[in-house]
Amino acid sequence: MSTLLLDAGIVVLALGLLVAVGRVLAGPTDADRGLAVDYGFVVVVGLIALLALRLGSTAMLDLVVVATLVGFLTTVAVARLIWAEKGAKR
């Protein structure tokens, strides 16, 4: 894969991370902020994967696998917190 294409992907994902940070700061609800944090985490994992391809490092791909599992578990935990908070307001 071309390094120019990988560099372009890294730049696009970095811009997506800026969008996620903006939503975390401006999100009107906790659900918006939770979704933005989840999206930002997915972008960071994508950045690590592209960086691993760019550098030719297979060890970083192990980090991607572990980070994906942690991100999934974090998403489930945040969803349960938001659900419990929403139920408490009723």
N, C-alpha and C. Protein backbone atom coordinates (compact mmCIF):
# COMPACT_ATOMS: atom_id res chain seq x y z
N MET A 1 0.84 -1.17 0.00
CA MET A 1 0.00 0.00 0.00
C MET A 1 0.89 1.24 0.00
N SER A 2 0.48 2.22 -0.71
CA SER A 2 1.25 3.44 -0.85
C SER A 2 1.32 4.22 0.47
N THR A 3 2.50 4.73 0.77
CA THR A 3 2.64 5.52 1.99
C THR A 3 1.85 6.81 1.90
N LEU A 4 1.70 7.33 0.70
CA LEU A 4 0.92 8.56 0.53
C LEU A 4 -0.55 8.30 0.90
N LEU A 5 -1.06 7.15 0.51
CA LEU A 5 -2.44 6.80 0.83
C LEU A 5 -2.61 6.59 2.34
N LEU A 6 -1.64 5.93 2.96
CA LEU A 6 -1.69 5.75 4.41
C LEU A 6 -1.61 7.09 5.14
N ASP A 7 -0.76 7.98 4.68
CA ASP A 7 -0.65 9.30 5.29
C ASP A 7 -1.96 10.08 5.15
N ALA A 8 -2.59 9.97 3.99
CA ALA A 8 -3.87 10.66 3.78
C ALA A 8 -4.94 10.09 4.73
N GLY A 9 -4.94 8.78 4.92
CA GLY A 9 -5.88 8.16 5.85
C GLY A 9 -5.65 8.62 7.28
N ILE A 10 -4.38 8.76 7.66
CA ILE A 10 -4.06 9.23 9.01
C ILE A 10 -4.56 10.66 9.20
N VAL A 11 -4.40 11.50 8.20
CA VAL A 11 -4.86 12.89 8.29
C VAL A 11 -6.39 12.94 8.39
N VAL A 12 -7.07 12.14 7.61
CA VAL A 12 -8.54 12.13 7.65
C VAL A 12 -9.03 11.66 9.03
N LEU A 13 -8.40 10.62 9.56
CA LEU A 13 -8.81 10.13 10.88
C LEU A 13 -8.48 11.16 11.97
N ALA A 14 -7.38 11.88 11.83
CA ALA A 14 -7.05 12.92 12.81
C ALA A 14 -8.11 14.02 12.78
N LEU A 15 -8.60 14.37 11.61
CA LEU A 15 -9.68 15.36 11.52
C LEU A 15 -10.96 14.82 12.15
N GLY A 16 -11.22 13.53 11.97
CA GLY A 16 -12.37 12.91 12.61
C GLY A 16 -12.26 12.93 14.12
N LEU A 17 -11.04 12.80 14.62
CA LEU A 17 -10.83 12.88 16.06
C LEU A 17 -11.12 14.27 16.59
N LEU A 18 -10.80 15.29 15.81
CA LEU A 18 -11.13 16.66 16.20
C LEU A 18 -12.65 16.86 16.27
N VAL A 19 -13.36 16.25 15.34
CA VAL A 19 -14.83 16.32 15.37
C VAL A 19 -15.37 15.66 16.63
N ALA A 20 -14.79 14.52 16.99
CA ALA A 20 -15.24 13.81 18.19
C ALA A 20 -14.98 14.63 19.45
N VAL A 21 -13.83 15.27 19.52
CA VAL A 21 -13.51 16.11 20.68
C VAL A 21 -14.49 17.29 20.75
N GLY A 22 -14.82 17.86 19.61
CA GLY A 22 -15.80 18.96 19.59
C GLY A 22 -17.16 18.52 20.10
N ARG A 23 -17.58 17.30 19.74
CA ARG A 23 -18.87 16.81 20.20
C ARG A 23 -18.84 16.49 21.70
N VAL A 24 -17.70 16.01 22.18
CA VAL A 24 -17.59 15.75 23.62
C VAL A 24 -17.73 17.05 24.40
N LEU A 25 -17.12 18.11 23.90
CA LEU A 25 -17.17 19.40 24.60
C LEU A 25 -18.53 20.08 24.47
N ALA A 26 -19.20 19.91 23.33
CA ALA A 26 -20.44 20.64 23.08
C ALA A 26 -21.70 19.79 23.18
N GLY A 27 -21.54 18.48 23.39
CA GLY A 27 -22.69 17.59 23.41
C GLY A 27 -23.74 18.01 24.42
N PRO A 28 -24.98 18.17 24.01
CA PRO A 28 -25.99 18.63 24.96
C PRO A 28 -26.39 17.57 25.98
N THR A 29 -26.23 16.29 25.66
CA THR A 29 -26.63 15.24 26.60
C THR A 29 -25.45 14.31 26.88
N ASP A 30 -25.60 13.53 27.95
CA ASP A 30 -24.57 12.55 28.27
C ASP A 30 -24.47 11.47 27.20
N ALA A 31 -25.59 11.14 26.59
CA ALA A 31 -25.57 10.13 25.52
C ALA A 31 -24.75 10.62 24.33
N ASP A 32 -24.88 11.90 23.98
CA ASP A 32 -24.08 12.47 22.90
C ASP A 32 -22.60 12.41 23.23
N ARG A 33 -22.27 12.74 24.44
CA ARG A 33 -20.87 12.71 24.87
C ARG A 33 -20.33 11.28 24.89
N GLY A 34 -21.14 10.34 25.36
CA GLY A 34 -20.72 8.93 25.38
C GLY A 34 -20.49 8.39 23.99
N LEU A 35 -21.38 8.73 23.07
CA LEU A 35 -21.23 8.30 21.69
C LEU A 35 -19.99 8.93 21.06
N ALA A 36 -19.73 10.19 21.36
CA ALA A 36 -18.55 10.87 20.81
C ALA A 36 -17.26 10.26 21.35
N VAL A 37 -17.25 9.89 22.62
CA VAL A 37 -16.07 9.24 23.19
C VAL A 37 -15.85 7.88 22.53
N ASP A 38 -16.93 7.15 22.30
CA ASP A 38 -16.82 5.85 21.63
C ASP A 38 -16.30 6.03 20.21
N TYR A 39 -16.83 7.00 19.50
CA TYR A 39 -16.37 7.29 18.15
C TYR A 39 -14.89 7.69 18.15
N GLY A 40 -14.52 8.53 19.11
CA GLY A 40 -13.12 8.94 19.21
C GLY A 40 -12.21 7.76 19.48
N PHE A 41 -12.66 6.82 20.30
CA PHE A 41 -11.85 5.64 20.57
C PHE A 41 -11.68 4.79 19.32
N VAL A 42 -12.74 4.64 18.54
CA VAL A 42 -12.66 3.89 17.29
C VAL A 42 -11.68 4.57 16.34
N VAL A 43 -11.70 5.89 16.30
CA VAL A 43 -10.77 6.62 15.44
C VAL A 43 -9.34 6.41 15.90
N VAL A 44 -9.10 6.44 17.21
CA VAL A 44 -7.75 6.22 17.72
C VAL A 44 -7.27 4.81 17.38
N VAL A 45 -8.14 3.81 17.50
CA VAL A 45 -7.76 2.45 17.12
C VAL A 45 -7.44 2.39 15.63
N GLY A 46 -8.22 3.07 14.82
CA GLY A 46 -7.93 3.14 13.38
C GLY A 46 -6.60 3.82 13.09
N LEU A 47 -6.32 4.87 13.84
CA LEU A 47 -5.03 5.55 13.68
C LEU A 47 -3.87 4.63 14.04
N ILE A 48 -4.03 3.88 15.11
CA ILE A 48 -2.97 2.94 15.51
C ILE A 48 -2.78 1.87 14.43
N ALA A 49 -3.88 1.39 13.87
CA ALA A 49 -3.78 0.37 12.81
C ALA A 49 -3.09 0.93 11.57
N LEU A 50 -3.44 2.13 11.17
CA LEU A 50 -2.77 2.73 10.00
C LEU A 50 -1.31 3.01 10.29
N LEU A 51 -1.02 3.44 11.49
CA LEU A 51 0.37 3.68 11.87
C LEU A 51 1.16 2.38 11.87
N ALA A 52 0.53 1.29 12.31
CA ALA A 52 1.20 -0.02 12.28
C ALA A 52 1.51 -0.43 10.84
N LEU A 53 0.56 -0.20 9.94
CA LEU A 53 0.82 -0.50 8.53
C LEU A 53 1.92 0.40 7.97
N ARG A 54 1.88 1.66 8.34
CA ARG A 54 2.87 2.63 7.84
C ARG A 54 4.27 2.28 8.29
N LEU A 55 4.41 1.83 9.55
CA LEU A 55 5.72 1.51 10.10
C LEU A 55 6.11 0.05 9.90
N GLY A 56 5.16 -0.77 9.48
CA GLY A 56 5.44 -2.19 9.29
C GLY A 56 5.62 -2.93 10.60
N SER A 57 4.93 -2.49 11.64
CA SER A 57 5.07 -3.07 12.97
C SER A 57 3.90 -4.02 13.26
N THR A 58 4.21 -5.29 13.47
CA THR A 58 3.16 -6.25 13.78
C THR A 58 2.78 -6.21 15.26
N ALA A 59 3.68 -5.72 16.11
CA ALA A 59 3.38 -5.64 17.53
C ALA A 59 2.25 -4.64 17.80
N MET A 60 2.16 -3.60 17.01
CA MET A 60 1.10 -2.60 17.19
C MET A 60 -0.26 -3.18 16.84
N LEU A 61 -0.29 -4.19 15.98
CA LEU A 61 -1.57 -4.81 15.63
C LEU A 61 -2.13 -5.59 16.82
N ASP A 62 -1.27 -6.13 17.67
CA ASP A 62 -1.75 -6.75 18.90
C ASP A 62 -2.42 -5.71 19.79
N LEU A 63 -1.86 -4.52 19.82
CA LEU A 63 -2.45 -3.43 20.58
C LEU A 63 -3.83 -3.07 20.04
N VAL A 64 -4.00 -3.13 18.74
CA VAL A 64 -5.29 -2.83 18.12
C VAL A 64 -6.33 -3.86 18.58
N VAL A 65 -5.97 -5.12 18.62
CA VAL A 65 -6.90 -6.16 19.03
C VAL A 65 -7.33 -5.96 20.48
N VAL A 66 -6.37 -5.71 21.35
CA VAL A 66 -6.67 -5.50 22.77
C VAL A 66 -7.51 -4.24 22.95
N ALA A 67 -7.14 -3.17 22.26
CA ALA A 67 -7.87 -1.91 22.38
C ALA A 67 -9.31 -2.05 21.88
N THR A 68 -9.52 -2.85 20.86
CA THR A 68 -10.87 -3.08 20.36
C THR A 68 -11.73 -3.77 21.41
N LEU A 69 -11.18 -4.75 22.09
CA LEU A 69 -11.92 -5.44 23.14
C LEU A 69 -12.23 -4.49 24.30
N VAL A 70 -11.25 -3.70 24.71
CA VAL A 70 -11.46 -2.74 25.79
C VAL A 70 -12.51 -1.70 25.38
N GLY A 71 -12.45 -1.25 24.14
CA GLY A 71 -13.42 -0.28 23.65
C GLY A 71 -14.84 -0.82 23.66
N PHE A 72 -15.00 -2.09 23.28
CA PHE A 72 -16.32 -2.70 23.31
C PHE A 72 -16.86 -2.77 24.73
N LEU A 73 -16.03 -3.21 25.66
CA LEU A 73 -16.47 -3.31 27.04
C LEU A 73 -16.78 -1.94 27.63
N THR A 74 -16.02 -0.93 27.25
CA THR A 74 -16.27 0.43 27.71
C THR A 74 -17.60 0.95 27.17
N THR A 75 -17.89 0.64 25.92
CA THR A 75 -19.15 1.06 25.31
C THR A 75 -20.34 0.44 26.04
N VAL A 76 -20.22 -0.82 26.37
CA VAL A 76 -21.30 -1.50 27.10
C VAL A 76 -21.48 -0.86 28.48
N ALA A 77 -20.38 -0.56 29.15
CA ALA A 77 -20.47 0.05 30.49
C ALA A 77 -21.09 1.44 30.43
N VAL A 78 -20.70 2.25 29.47
CA VAL A 78 -21.25 3.60 29.34
C VAL A 78 -22.73 3.52 28.99
N ALA A 79 -23.11 2.60 28.13
CA ALA A 79 -24.52 2.45 27.77
C ALA A 79 -25.35 2.05 28.98
N ARG A 80 -24.81 1.17 29.82
CA ARG A 80 -25.54 0.79 31.03
C ARG A 80 -25.68 1.96 31.99
N LEU A 81 -24.64 2.77 32.10
CA LEU A 81 -24.72 3.95 32.97
C LEU A 81 -25.77 4.94 32.48
N ILE A 82 -25.77 5.19 31.19
CA ILE A 82 -26.74 6.13 30.62
C ILE A 82 -28.16 5.57 30.78
N TRP A 83 -28.32 4.27 30.55
CA TRP A 83 -29.62 3.64 30.69
C TRP A 83 -30.11 3.72 32.14
N ALA A 84 -29.23 3.47 33.09
CA ALA A 84 -29.61 3.54 34.51
C ALA A 84 -29.96 4.95 34.91
N GLU A 85 -29.22 5.92 34.39
CA GLU A 85 -29.51 7.33 34.71
C GLU A 85 -30.84 7.74 34.10
N LYS A 86 -31.13 7.28 32.91
CA LYS A 86 -32.38 7.62 32.27
C LYS A 86 -33.55 6.99 33.03
N GLY A 87 -33.36 5.77 33.52
CA GLY A 87 -34.41 5.10 34.30
C GLY A 87 -34.64 5.77 35.63
N ALA A 88 -33.59 6.35 36.21
CA ALA A 88 -33.71 7.01 37.50
C ALA A 88 -34.48 8.33 37.40
N LYS A 89 -34.50 8.94 36.24
CA LYS A 89 -35.19 10.23 36.05
C LYS A 89 -36.69 10.04 35.88
N ARG A 90 -37.14 8.84 35.60
CA ARG A 90 -38.57 8.61 35.36
C ARG A 90 -39.36 8.66 36.61
